[in-house]
Amino acid sequence: MDSSETKLGATVASRVPQIVIGNPEELERKKRAIKAAGLSSLQVIADFDMTLTKYMVNGTRGQSTHALLNQGNAEYDLKRQQLFDHYYPLETCPTIPVEQKTKLMEEWWGKTHNLLVEGGLTFKAIQTSVANAVIGFRSGVVELLEILEAKSVPVLIFSAGLADIIEEVMRQKLHRSFKNIRVVSNRMNFDGDGNLLGFKGKLIHVLNKNEHSLEMAAPLHDDQGHEVVNNAKNGYSLVRDRRNVILLGDHIGDLGMSDGVDYDNRITIGFLNENINSWLSTYTTAFDIVVLNDGAMTSVVDLIQELSR
């Protein structure tokens, strides 16, 4: 695919990582509008697993934040796997109505969270699981987050997983935190000895990880459990009046993360990590920019820099 046009009529960029732009004219229109409004009008919404993180790590399929968790109790690890084997086909089934599927996802997540409590999960087990995990960030992620922090652009990381694991991955793999990041995910409640007592607030699953769940947004925490931002703005106040959006995701369903945002312009970047021949047409229709082959974050860094000029 080194020509300027694909069979889809999409423009293909020549630099690595290879990207596909389905509608260059519309993308340029959005960029002009966002640039005219300024970065003070911008927010970034990002999925975590296989979007900020790599799909392949040193030749091995990368783990999601759910998959990497080993709670140190073989019986309960097996029970969680059995729940996955039962519910995952239901999650991906195209014929189940959304209302019914939502109830199934609430059921799955609730049972899984109960098993984590019953099985005696500890914060130490999370730290060990992350240390032993096959997980890593895409090249360019740190540069992107540093630029966004320097320019005071808020970043909302949405995940149906566990906020405590996401934060631990960032601590161990990035070795720093960012004041402009808020994580919207399921958050655990530990006792003083690091034993899991339960979960805080609203249950977030794959069908409701969007800005309707902003009450669950929280800043990153340090390794002592303290927020890295004192008197931090909550999710709503952080993005209030920021009516332009850049959205990053690796699944079509991630486009729903901006549900609840009354935006003026939205640029969407999709990371197509596998089955490119089967999914390229769908992704180029759904996303403004498609990054192929588990590519780096280069194109997003370039986009932010272009919007800054």
C-alpha atoms as a PDB file:
ATOM      1  CA  MET A   1       0.000   0.000   0.000  1.00  0.00           C
ATOM      2  CA  ASP A   2       2.587   2.545  -1.076  1.00  0.00           C
ATOM      3  CA  SER A   3       0.414   4.317  -3.602  1.00  0.00           C
ATOM      4  CA  SER A   4      -1.438   7.535  -2.841  1.00  0.00           C
ATOM      5  CA  GLU A   5      -4.808   5.885  -3.224  1.00  0.00           C
ATOM      6  CA  THR A   6      -6.225   2.614  -1.926  1.00  0.00           C
ATOM      7  CA  LYS A   7      -9.046   0.678  -3.526  1.00  0.00           C
ATOM      8  CA  LEU A   8     -11.264   2.440  -1.007  1.00  0.00           C
ATOM      9  CA  GLY A   9     -10.290   5.823  -2.392  1.00  0.00           C
ATOM     10  CA  ALA A  10      -8.635   6.657   0.923  1.00  0.00           C
ATOM     11  CA  THR A  11      -5.432   8.601   1.170  1.00  0.00           C
ATOM     12  CA  VAL A  12      -2.546   6.584   2.587  1.00  0.00           C
ATOM     13  CA  ALA A  13       0.288   8.444   4.312  1.00  0.00           C
ATOM     14  CA  SER A  14       3.807   7.349   3.442  1.00  0.00           C
ATOM     15  CA  ARG A  15       5.441   7.767   6.842  1.00  0.00           C
ATOM     16  CA  VAL A  16       5.585   5.078   9.472  1.00  0.00           C
ATOM     17  CA  PRO A  17       3.231   4.173  11.051  1.00  0.00           C
ATOM     18  CA  GLN A  18       1.109   3.812   7.975  1.00  0.00           C
ATOM     19  CA  ILE A  19      -2.156   5.673   8.300  1.00  0.00           C
ATOM     20  CA  VAL A  20      -5.293   5.845   6.206  1.00  0.00           C
ATOM     21  CA  ILE A  21      -7.515   8.917   5.906  1.00  0.00           C
ATOM     22  CA  GLY A  22     -10.920   8.130   4.504  1.00  0.00           C
ATOM     23  CA  ASN A  23     -12.102  11.698   3.826  1.00  0.00           C
ATOM     24  CA  PRO A  24      -9.158  14.134   3.680  1.00  0.00           C
ATOM     25  CA  GLU A  25     -11.356  17.159   2.910  1.00  0.00           C
ATOM     26  CA  GLU A  26     -13.586  16.621   5.935  1.00  0.00           C
ATOM     27  CA  LEU A  27     -10.572  16.037   8.169  1.00  0.00           C
ATOM     28  CA  GLU A  28      -9.019  19.314   7.004  1.00  0.00           C
ATOM     29  CA  ARG A  29     -12.288  21.139   7.686  1.00  0.00           C
ATOM     30  CA  LYS A  30     -12.343  19.815  11.255  1.00  0.00           C
ATOM     31  CA  LYS A  31      -8.698  20.729  11.802  1.00  0.00           C
ATOM     32  CA  ARG A  32      -9.280  24.282  10.607  1.00  0.00           C
ATOM     33  CA  ALA A  33     -12.265  24.666  12.926  1.00  0.00           C
ATOM     34  CA  ILE A  34     -10.427  23.312  15.974  1.00  0.00           C
ATOM     35  CA  LYS A  35      -7.340  25.370  15.218  1.00  0.00           C
ATOM     36  CA  ALA A  36      -9.458  28.518  14.942  1.00  0.00           C
ATOM     37  CA  ALA A  37     -11.103  27.800  18.305  1.00  0.00           C
ATOM     38  CA  GLY A  38      -7.759  27.165  20.001  1.00  0.00           C
ATOM     39  CA  LEU A  39      -6.534  24.399  22.288  1.00  0.00           C
ATOM     40  CA  SER A  40      -8.502  25.911  25.183  1.00  0.00           C
ATOM     41  CA  SER A  41     -11.568  24.425  23.478  1.00  0.00           C
ATOM     42  CA  LEU A  42     -10.070  20.925  23.139  1.00  0.00           C
ATOM     43  CA  GLN A  43     -10.364  17.735  25.159  1.00  0.00           C
ATOM     44  CA  VAL A  44      -8.880  14.323  24.381  1.00  0.00           C
ATOM     45  CA  ILE A  45     -10.825  11.123  25.036  1.00  0.00           C
ATOM     46  CA  ALA A  46      -8.891   7.862  24.911  1.00  0.00           C
ATOM     47  CA  ASP A  47      -9.495   4.190  25.375  1.00  0.00           C
ATOM     48  CA  PHE A  48      -6.687   2.426  27.270  1.00  0.00           C
ATOM     49  CA  ASP A  49      -6.237  -1.230  26.269  1.00  0.00           C
ATOM     50  CA  MET A  50      -4.764  -1.684  22.766  1.00  0.00           C
ATOM     51  CA  THR A  51      -5.162   2.058  22.133  1.00  0.00           C
ATOM     52  CA  LEU A  52      -2.651   3.679  24.450  1.00  0.00           C
ATOM     53  CA  THR A  53      -1.075   0.256  24.970  1.00  0.00           C
ATOM     54  CA  LYS A  54       0.403  -2.001  22.300  1.00  0.00           C
ATOM     55  CA  TYR A  55      -1.407  -4.876  20.669  1.00  0.00           C
ATOM     56  CA  MET A  56       1.852  -6.835  20.334  1.00  0.00           C
ATOM     57  CA  VAL A  57       4.686  -6.661  22.872  1.00  0.00           C
ATOM     58  CA  ASN A  58       7.995  -8.198  21.772  1.00  0.00           C
ATOM     59  CA  GLY A  59       6.205 -10.562  19.422  1.00  0.00           C
ATOM     60  CA  THR A  60       3.611 -11.645  21.992  1.00  0.00           C
ATOM     61  CA  ARG A  61      -0.044 -10.606  22.118  1.00  0.00           C
ATOM     62  CA  GLY A  62      -0.299  -7.844  24.707  1.00  0.00           C
ATOM     63  CA  GLN A  63      -2.548  -8.312  27.714  1.00  0.00           C
ATOM     64  CA  SER A  64      -5.465  -6.099  28.630  1.00  0.00           C
ATOM     65  CA  THR A  65      -5.751  -4.683  32.132  1.00  0.00           C
ATOM     66  CA  HIS A  66      -8.424  -7.302  32.862  1.00  0.00           C
ATOM     67  CA  ALA A  67      -6.431 -10.214  31.457  1.00  0.00           C
ATOM     68  CA  LEU A  68      -3.211  -9.430  33.305  1.00  0.00           C
ATOM     69  CA  LEU A  69      -4.781  -9.656  36.768  1.00  0.00           C
ATOM     70  CA  ASN A  70      -3.750 -12.706  38.788  1.00  0.00           C
ATOM     71  CA  GLN A  71      -5.395 -12.389  42.149  1.00  0.00           C
ATOM     72  CA  GLY A  72      -3.202 -15.044  43.753  1.00  0.00           C
ATOM     73  CA  ASN A  73      -6.068 -17.477  44.206  1.00  0.00           C
ATOM     74  CA  ALA A  74      -6.237 -20.151  41.505  1.00  0.00           C
ATOM     75  CA  GLU A  75      -9.839 -21.065  42.312  1.00  0.00           C
ATOM     76  CA  TYR A  76     -11.066 -17.506  41.832  1.00  0.00           C
ATOM     77  CA  ASP A  77      -8.883 -16.868  38.785  1.00  0.00           C
ATOM     78  CA  LEU A  78     -10.579 -19.904  37.213  1.00  0.00           C
ATOM     79  CA  LYS A  79     -14.031 -18.656  38.170  1.00  0.00           C
ATOM     80  CA  ARG A  80     -13.334 -15.293  36.510  1.00  0.00           C
ATOM     81  CA  GLN A  81     -12.126 -17.084  33.378  1.00  0.00           C
ATOM     82  CA  GLN A  82     -15.321 -19.153  33.322  1.00  0.00           C
ATOM     83  CA  LEU A  83     -17.355 -15.940  33.478  1.00  0.00           C
ATOM     84  CA  PHE A  84     -15.329 -14.589  30.549  1.00  0.00           C
ATOM     85  CA  ASP A  85     -15.924 -17.751  28.528  1.00  0.00           C
ATOM     86  CA  HIS A  86     -19.669 -17.432  29.125  1.00  0.00           C
ATOM     87  CA  TYR A  87     -20.219 -13.687  28.708  1.00  0.00           C
ATOM     88  CA  TYR A  88     -17.677 -12.615  26.099  1.00  0.00           C
ATOM     89  CA  PRO A  89     -19.529 -14.357  23.224  1.00  0.00           C
ATOM     90  CA  LEU A  90     -22.660 -12.530  24.403  1.00  0.00           C
ATOM     91  CA  GLU A  91     -20.809  -9.196  24.390  1.00  0.00           C
ATOM     92  CA  THR A  92     -19.696  -9.697  20.790  1.00  0.00           C
ATOM     93  CA  CYS A  93     -22.958 -11.239  19.529  1.00  0.00           C
ATOM     94  CA  PRO A  94     -24.425  -8.843  16.915  1.00  0.00           C
ATOM     95  CA  THR A  95     -28.020 -10.050  17.295  1.00  0.00           C
ATOM     96  CA  ILE A  96     -28.586  -9.350  21.013  1.00  0.00           C
ATOM     97  CA  PRO A  97     -30.492  -6.060  21.498  1.00  0.00           C
ATOM     98  CA  VAL A  98     -28.551  -3.330  23.298  1.00  0.00           C
ATOM     99  CA  GLU A  99     -30.959  -3.174  26.245  1.00  0.00           C
ATOM    100  CA  GLN A 100     -30.636  -6.917  26.849  1.00  0.00           C
ATOM    101  CA  LYS A 101     -26.876  -6.846  26.307  1.00  0.00           C
ATOM    102  CA  THR A 102     -26.501  -3.980  28.786  1.00  0.00           C
ATOM    103  CA  LYS A 103     -28.153  -6.095  31.487  1.00  0.00           C
ATOM    104  CA  LEU A 104     -25.851  -8.999  30.643  1.00  0.00           C
ATOM    105  CA  MET A 105     -22.779  -6.775  30.894  1.00  0.00           C
ATOM    106  CA  GLU A 106     -23.919  -5.402  34.252  1.00  0.00           C
ATOM    107  CA  GLU A 107     -24.400  -8.988  35.402  1.00  0.00           C
ATOM    108  CA  TRP A 108     -20.926 -10.035  34.181  1.00  0.00           C
ATOM    109  CA  TRP A 109     -19.099  -7.076  35.692  1.00  0.00           C
ATOM    110  CA  GLY A 110     -20.977  -7.398  38.991  1.00  0.00           C
ATOM    111  CA  LYS A 111     -20.145 -11.082  39.323  1.00  0.00           C
ATOM    112  CA  THR A 112     -16.515 -10.467  38.440  1.00  0.00           C
ATOM    113  CA  HIS A 113     -16.178  -7.708  41.021  1.00  0.00           C
ATOM    114  CA  ASN A 114     -17.761  -9.939  43.659  1.00  0.00           C
ATOM    115  CA  LEU A 115     -15.223 -12.671  42.892  1.00  0.00           C
ATOM    116  CA  LEU A 116     -12.362 -10.226  43.322  1.00  0.00           C
ATOM    117  CA  VAL A 117     -13.643  -9.334  46.785  1.00  0.00           C
ATOM    118  CA  GLU A 118     -14.493 -12.905  47.791  1.00  0.00           C
ATOM    119  CA  GLY A 119     -11.169 -14.197  46.510  1.00  0.00           C
ATOM    120  CA  GLY A 120      -9.221 -11.812  48.722  1.00  0.00           C
ATOM    121  CA  LEU A 121      -7.603  -9.566  46.107  1.00  0.00           C
ATOM    122  CA  THR A 122      -4.883  -7.337  47.521  1.00  0.00           C
ATOM    123  CA  PHE A 123      -3.174  -4.253  46.151  1.00  0.00           C
ATOM    124  CA  LYS A 124       0.099  -6.176  46.354  1.00  0.00           C
ATOM    125  CA  ALA A 125      -1.364  -8.750  43.936  1.00  0.00           C
ATOM    126  CA  ILE A 126      -2.145  -5.927  41.502  1.00  0.00           C
ATOM    127  CA  GLN A 127       1.432  -4.641  41.698  1.00  0.00           C
ATOM    128  CA  THR A 128       2.812  -8.144  41.121  1.00  0.00           C
ATOM    129  CA  SER A 129       0.402  -8.808  38.254  1.00  0.00           C
ATOM    130  CA  VAL A 130       1.450  -5.618  36.464  1.00  0.00           C
ATOM    131  CA  ALA A 131       5.149  -6.349  37.018  1.00  0.00           C
ATOM    132  CA  ASN A 132       4.704  -9.780  35.405  1.00  0.00           C
ATOM    133  CA  ALA A 133       2.336  -8.649  32.640  1.00  0.00           C
ATOM    134  CA  VAL A 134       2.879  -8.588  28.902  1.00  0.00           C
ATOM    135  CA  ILE A 135       1.905  -4.947  28.449  1.00  0.00           C
ATOM    136  CA  GLY A 136       3.549  -1.802  27.137  1.00  0.00           C
ATOM    137  CA  PHE A 137       2.671   1.617  25.755  1.00  0.00           C
ATOM    138  CA  ARG A 138       2.817   2.561  22.101  1.00  0.00           C
ATOM    139  CA  SER A 139       5.820   4.543  20.990  1.00  0.00           C
ATOM    140  CA  GLY A 140       4.961   8.223  21.215  1.00  0.00           C
ATOM    141  CA  VAL A 141       2.443   7.954  24.065  1.00  0.00           C
ATOM    142  CA  VAL A 142       4.702   9.711  26.573  1.00  0.00           C
ATOM    143  CA  GLU A 143       5.462  12.475  24.080  1.00  0.00           C
ATOM    144  CA  LEU A 144       1.747  12.926  23.383  1.00  0.00           C
ATOM    145  CA  LEU A 145       0.800  13.084  27.059  1.00  0.00           C
ATOM    146  CA  GLU A 146       3.643  15.499  27.826  1.00  0.00           C
ATOM    147  CA  ILE A 147       2.544  17.841  25.030  1.00  0.00           C
ATOM    148  CA  LEU A 148      -1.073  17.741  26.164  1.00  0.00           C
ATOM    149  CA  GLU A 149      -0.086  18.404  29.777  1.00  0.00           C
ATOM    150  CA  ALA A 150       2.148  21.317  28.754  1.00  0.00           C
ATOM    151  CA  LYS A 151      -0.721  22.815  26.767  1.00  0.00           C
ATOM    152  CA  SER A 152      -3.273  22.178  29.561  1.00  0.00           C
ATOM    153  CA  VAL A 153      -5.448  19.948  27.377  1.00  0.00           C
ATOM    154  CA  PRO A 154      -7.442  17.524  29.564  1.00  0.00           C
ATOM    155  CA  VAL A 155      -7.207  13.811  28.791  1.00  0.00           C
ATOM    156  CA  LEU A 156     -10.018  11.480  29.811  1.00  0.00           C
ATOM    157  CA  ILE A 157      -9.049   7.802  29.799  1.00  0.00           C
ATOM    158  CA  PHE A 158     -12.182   5.677  29.608  1.00  0.00           C
ATOM    159  CA  SER A 159     -12.011   2.010  30.496  1.00  0.00           C
ATOM    160  CA  ALA A 160     -14.436  -0.731  31.425  1.00  0.00           C
ATOM    161  CA  GLY A 161     -11.567  -2.283  33.378  1.00  0.00           C
ATOM    162  CA  LEU A 162     -10.085  -1.258  36.706  1.00  0.00           C
ATOM    163  CA  ALA A 163      -8.717   2.223  37.376  1.00  0.00           C
ATOM    164  CA  ASP A 164      -6.307   0.917  40.010  1.00  0.00           C
ATOM    165  CA  ILE A 165      -4.653  -1.397  37.470  1.00  0.00           C
ATOM    166  CA  ILE A 166      -4.483   1.346  34.828  1.00  0.00           C
ATOM    167  CA  GLU A 167      -2.736   3.639  37.291  1.00  0.00           C
ATOM    168  CA  GLU A 168      -0.319   0.894  38.342  1.00  0.00           C
ATOM    169  CA  VAL A 169       0.540   0.187  34.692  1.00  0.00           C
ATOM    170  CA  MET A 170       1.272   3.884  34.202  1.00  0.00           C
ATOM    171  CA  ARG A 171       3.419   4.015  37.350  1.00  0.00           C
ATOM    172  CA  GLN A 172       5.460   0.948  36.418  1.00  0.00           C
ATOM    173  CA  LYS A 173       5.756   1.518  32.663  1.00  0.00           C
ATOM    174  CA  LEU A 174       5.835   5.315  32.345  1.00  0.00           C
ATOM    175  CA  HIS A 175       7.388   6.114  35.748  1.00  0.00           C
ATOM    176  CA  ARG A 176       5.521   9.388  35.991  1.00  0.00           C
ATOM    177  CA  SER A 177       2.057  10.880  36.288  1.00  0.00           C
ATOM    178  CA  PHE A 178       0.197  13.670  34.507  1.00  0.00           C
ATOM    179  CA  LYS A 179      -1.887  16.381  36.142  1.00  0.00           C
ATOM    180  CA  ASN A 180      -4.251  16.734  33.178  1.00  0.00           C
ATOM    181  CA  ILE A 181      -5.348  13.078  33.086  1.00  0.00           C
ATOM    182  CA  ARG A 182      -8.559  11.765  34.601  1.00  0.00           C
ATOM    183  CA  VAL A 183      -9.378   8.053  34.596  1.00  0.00           C
ATOM    184  CA  VAL A 184     -13.026   7.087  34.194  1.00  0.00           C
ATOM    185  CA  SER A 185     -13.148   3.454  35.237  1.00  0.00           C
ATOM    186  CA  ASN A 186     -14.119   1.075  38.025  1.00  0.00           C
ATOM    187  CA  ARG A 187     -12.282   2.081  41.182  1.00  0.00           C
ATOM    188  CA  MET A 188     -11.500  -0.193  44.111  1.00  0.00           C
ATOM    189  CA  ASN A 189     -11.761   0.481  47.834  1.00  0.00           C
ATOM    190  CA  PHE A 190      -8.940  -1.031  49.928  1.00  0.00           C
ATOM    191  CA  ASP A 191      -8.481  -1.164  53.674  1.00  0.00           C
ATOM    192  CA  GLY A 192      -5.342   0.071  55.399  1.00  0.00           C
ATOM    193  CA  ASP A 193      -3.609  -3.258  54.794  1.00  0.00           C
ATOM    194  CA  GLY A 194      -4.304  -3.255  51.058  1.00  0.00           C
ATOM    195  CA  ASN A 195      -7.172  -5.774  51.105  1.00  0.00           C
ATOM    196  CA  LEU A 196     -10.015  -5.169  48.672  1.00  0.00           C
ATOM    197  CA  LEU A 197     -13.230  -4.221  50.453  1.00  0.00           C
ATOM    198  CA  GLY A 198     -15.391  -3.377  47.455  1.00  0.00           C
ATOM    199  CA  PHE A 199     -15.876  -0.851  44.664  1.00  0.00           C
ATOM    200  CA  LYS A 200     -16.649   2.847  44.644  1.00  0.00           C
ATOM    201  CA  GLY A 201     -19.507   4.460  42.772  1.00  0.00           C
ATOM    202  CA  LYS A 202     -21.064   3.577  39.471  1.00  0.00           C
ATOM    203  CA  LEU A 203     -20.372   0.301  37.672  1.00  0.00           C
ATOM    204  CA  ILE A 204     -18.696   0.986  34.317  1.00  0.00           C
ATOM    205  CA  HIS A 205     -18.840  -1.677  31.603  1.00  0.00           C
ATOM    206  CA  VAL A 206     -18.230  -1.765  27.865  1.00  0.00           C
ATOM    207  CA  LEU A 207     -21.604  -0.243  26.999  1.00  0.00           C
ATOM    208  CA  ASN A 208     -21.549   2.781  29.322  1.00  0.00           C
ATOM    209  CA  LYS A 209     -17.915   3.962  29.300  1.00  0.00           C
ATOM    210  CA  ASN A 210     -18.691   7.483  28.103  1.00  0.00           C
ATOM    211  CA  GLU A 211     -19.062  11.033  29.383  1.00  0.00           C
ATOM    212  CA  HIS A 212     -22.363  10.148  31.030  1.00  0.00           C
ATOM    213  CA  SER A 213     -20.068   8.454  33.604  1.00  0.00           C
ATOM    214  CA  LEU A 214     -17.929  11.514  34.342  1.00  0.00           C
ATOM    215  CA  GLU A 215     -18.827  11.442  38.021  1.00  0.00           C
ATOM    216  CA  MET A 216     -16.369   8.521  38.205  1.00  0.00           C
ATOM    217  CA  ALA A 217     -13.502  10.584  36.765  1.00  0.00           C
ATOM    218  CA  ALA A 218     -10.541  10.890  39.121  1.00  0.00           C
ATOM    219  CA  PRO A 219      -6.969  12.155  38.813  1.00  0.00           C
ATOM    220  CA  LEU A 220      -4.028   9.774  38.880  1.00  0.00           C
ATOM    221  CA  HIS A 221      -2.710   8.639  42.253  1.00  0.00           C
ATOM    222  CA  ASP A 222       0.888   8.187  43.390  1.00  0.00           C
ATOM    223  CA  ASP A 223       2.213   4.924  44.818  1.00  0.00           C
ATOM    224  CA  GLN A 224       1.010   6.018  48.270  1.00  0.00           C
ATOM    225  CA  GLY A 225      -2.545   6.376  47.016  1.00  0.00           C
ATOM    226  CA  HIS A 226      -2.537  10.193  47.084  1.00  0.00           C
ATOM    227  CA  GLU A 227      -3.975  12.201  44.204  1.00  0.00           C
ATOM    228  CA  VAL A 228      -1.239  13.895  42.146  1.00  0.00           C
ATOM    229  CA  VAL A 229      -3.403  17.025  41.866  1.00  0.00           C
ATOM    230  CA  ASN A 230      -4.526  18.788  45.023  1.00  0.00           C
ATOM    231  CA  ASN A 231      -8.119  20.065  44.958  1.00  0.00           C
ATOM    232  CA  ALA A 232      -8.464  18.585  41.481  1.00  0.00           C
ATOM    233  CA  LYS A 233     -11.319  19.593  39.231  1.00  0.00           C
ATOM    234  CA  ASN A 234     -13.861  16.834  38.740  1.00  0.00           C
ATOM    235  CA  GLY A 235     -14.531  15.397  35.308  1.00  0.00           C
ATOM    236  CA  TYR A 236     -17.388  17.737  34.473  1.00  0.00           C
ATOM    237  CA  SER A 237     -15.625  20.963  35.411  1.00  0.00           C
ATOM    238  CA  LEU A 238     -12.396  19.865  33.732  1.00  0.00           C
ATOM    239  CA  VAL A 239     -13.999  19.581  30.287  1.00  0.00           C
ATOM    240  CA  ARG A 240     -16.716  22.212  30.613  1.00  0.00           C
ATOM    241  CA  ASP A 241     -16.796  24.504  27.571  1.00  0.00           C
ATOM    242  CA  ARG A 242     -14.306  22.277  25.730  1.00  0.00           C
ATOM    243  CA  ARG A 243     -16.501  21.625  22.730  1.00  0.00           C
ATOM    244  CA  ASN A 244     -13.895  20.099  20.424  1.00  0.00           C
ATOM    245  CA  VAL A 245     -12.822  16.492  20.824  1.00  0.00           C
ATOM    246  CA  ILE A 246     -10.038  14.204  19.694  1.00  0.00           C
ATOM    247  CA  LEU A 247     -11.064  10.605  20.319  1.00  0.00           C
ATOM    248  CA  LEU A 248      -8.691   7.609  20.288  1.00  0.00           C
ATOM    249  CA  GLY A 249      -9.908   4.025  20.199  1.00  0.00           C
ATOM    250  CA  ASP A 250      -9.271   0.600  18.746  1.00  0.00           C
ATOM    251  CA  HIS A 251     -12.865  -0.625  18.403  1.00  0.00           C
ATOM    252  CA  ILE A 252     -15.847   0.833  16.569  1.00  0.00           C
ATOM    253  CA  GLY A 253     -17.677   0.855  19.888  1.00  0.00           C
ATOM    254  CA  ASP A 254     -15.090   3.274  21.297  1.00  0.00           C
ATOM    255  CA  LEU A 255     -16.726   6.011  19.225  1.00  0.00           C
ATOM    256  CA  GLY A 256     -19.444   5.985  21.872  1.00  0.00           C
ATOM    257  CA  MET A 257     -17.006   7.322  24.492  1.00  0.00           C
ATOM    258  CA  SER A 258     -17.980  10.842  23.443  1.00  0.00           C
ATOM    259  CA  ASP A 259     -21.672  10.179  24.096  1.00  0.00           C
ATOM    260  CA  GLY A 260     -22.762  12.902  26.469  1.00  0.00           C
ATOM    261  CA  VAL A 261     -20.512  15.530  24.862  1.00  0.00           C
ATOM    262  CA  ASP A 262     -22.234  18.356  23.048  1.00  0.00           C
ATOM    263  CA  TYR A 263     -19.252  18.845  20.759  1.00  0.00           C
ATOM    264  CA  ASP A 264     -18.764  21.163  17.796  1.00  0.00           C
ATOM    265  CA  ASN A 265     -16.042  19.138  16.095  1.00  0.00           C
ATOM    266  CA  ARG A 266     -14.702  15.659  16.706  1.00  0.00           C
ATOM    267  CA  ILE A 267     -11.618  14.092  15.122  1.00  0.00           C
ATOM    268  CA  THR A 268     -11.535  10.334  15.608  1.00  0.00           C
ATOM    269  CA  ILE A 269      -8.411   8.163  15.355  1.00  0.00           C
ATOM    270  CA  GLY A 270      -8.857   4.408  15.168  1.00  0.00           C
ATOM    271  CA  PHE A 271      -6.073   1.900  15.761  1.00  0.00           C
ATOM    272  CA  LEU A 272      -6.631  -1.112  13.517  1.00  0.00           C
ATOM    273  CA  ASN A 273      -4.369  -3.717  15.047  1.00  0.00           C
ATOM    274  CA  GLU A 274      -5.373  -6.902  13.211  1.00  0.00           C
ATOM    275  CA  ASN A 275      -7.509  -8.299  10.370  1.00  0.00           C
ATOM    276  CA  ILE A 276      -6.796  -5.217   8.289  1.00  0.00           C
ATOM    277  CA  ASN A 277      -8.204  -6.611   5.037  1.00  0.00           C
ATOM    278  CA  SER A 278     -11.492  -7.441   6.742  1.00  0.00           C
ATOM    279  CA  TRP A 279     -11.923  -4.233   8.728  1.00  0.00           C
ATOM    280  CA  LEU A 280     -10.204  -1.443   6.775  1.00  0.00           C
ATOM    281  CA  SER A 281     -13.306  -0.334   4.897  1.00  0.00           C
ATOM    282  CA  THR A 282     -15.381  -0.215   8.100  1.00  0.00           C
ATOM    283  CA  TYR A 283     -12.704   1.675  10.030  1.00  0.00           C
ATOM    284  CA  THR A 284     -12.055   4.252   7.305  1.00  0.00           C
ATOM    285  CA  THR A 285     -15.783   4.964   7.210  1.00  0.00           C
ATOM    286  CA  ALA A 286     -16.085   5.238  10.992  1.00  0.00           C
ATOM    287  CA  PHE A 287     -12.829   7.031  11.899  1.00  0.00           C
ATOM    288  CA  ASP A 288     -11.244  10.149  10.412  1.00  0.00           C
ATOM    289  CA  ILE A 289      -7.752   8.647  10.702  1.00  0.00           C
ATOM    290  CA  VAL A 290      -6.871   4.953  10.898  1.00  0.00           C
ATOM    291  CA  VAL A 291      -3.481   3.832  12.212  1.00  0.00           C
ATOM    292  CA  LEU A 292      -2.530   0.414  10.854  1.00  0.00           C
ATOM    293  CA  ASN A 293      -0.477  -2.521  12.089  1.00  0.00           C
ATOM    294  CA  ASP A 294      -0.276  -1.669  15.786  1.00  0.00           C
ATOM    295  CA  GLY A 295       1.401   1.594  14.802  1.00  0.00           C
ATOM    296  CA  ALA A 296       2.914   4.286  16.983  1.00  0.00           C
ATOM    297  CA  MET A 297       1.220   7.420  18.312  1.00  0.00           C
ATOM    298  CA  THR A 298       3.179   9.565  15.842  1.00  0.00           C
ATOM    299  CA  SER A 299       0.190  10.710  13.821  1.00  0.00           C
ATOM    300  CA  VAL A 300      -1.636  11.926  16.934  1.00  0.00           C
ATOM    301  CA  VAL A 301       1.444  13.819  18.139  1.00  0.00           C
ATOM    302  CA  ASP A 302       1.712  15.410  14.700  1.00  0.00           C
ATOM    303  CA  LEU A 303      -1.975  16.343  14.787  1.00  0.00           C
ATOM    304  CA  ILE A 304      -1.700  18.087  18.169  1.00  0.00           C
ATOM    305  CA  GLN A 305       1.386  19.973  17.029  1.00  0.00           C
ATOM    306  CA  GLU A 306      -0.406  21.057  13.851  1.00  0.00           C
ATOM    307  CA  LEU A 307      -3.407  22.280  15.840  1.00  0.00           C
ATOM    308  CA  SER A 308      -1.041  24.218  18.114  1.00  0.00           C
ATOM    309  CA  ARG A 309       0.508  26.286  15.357  1.00  0.00           C
END
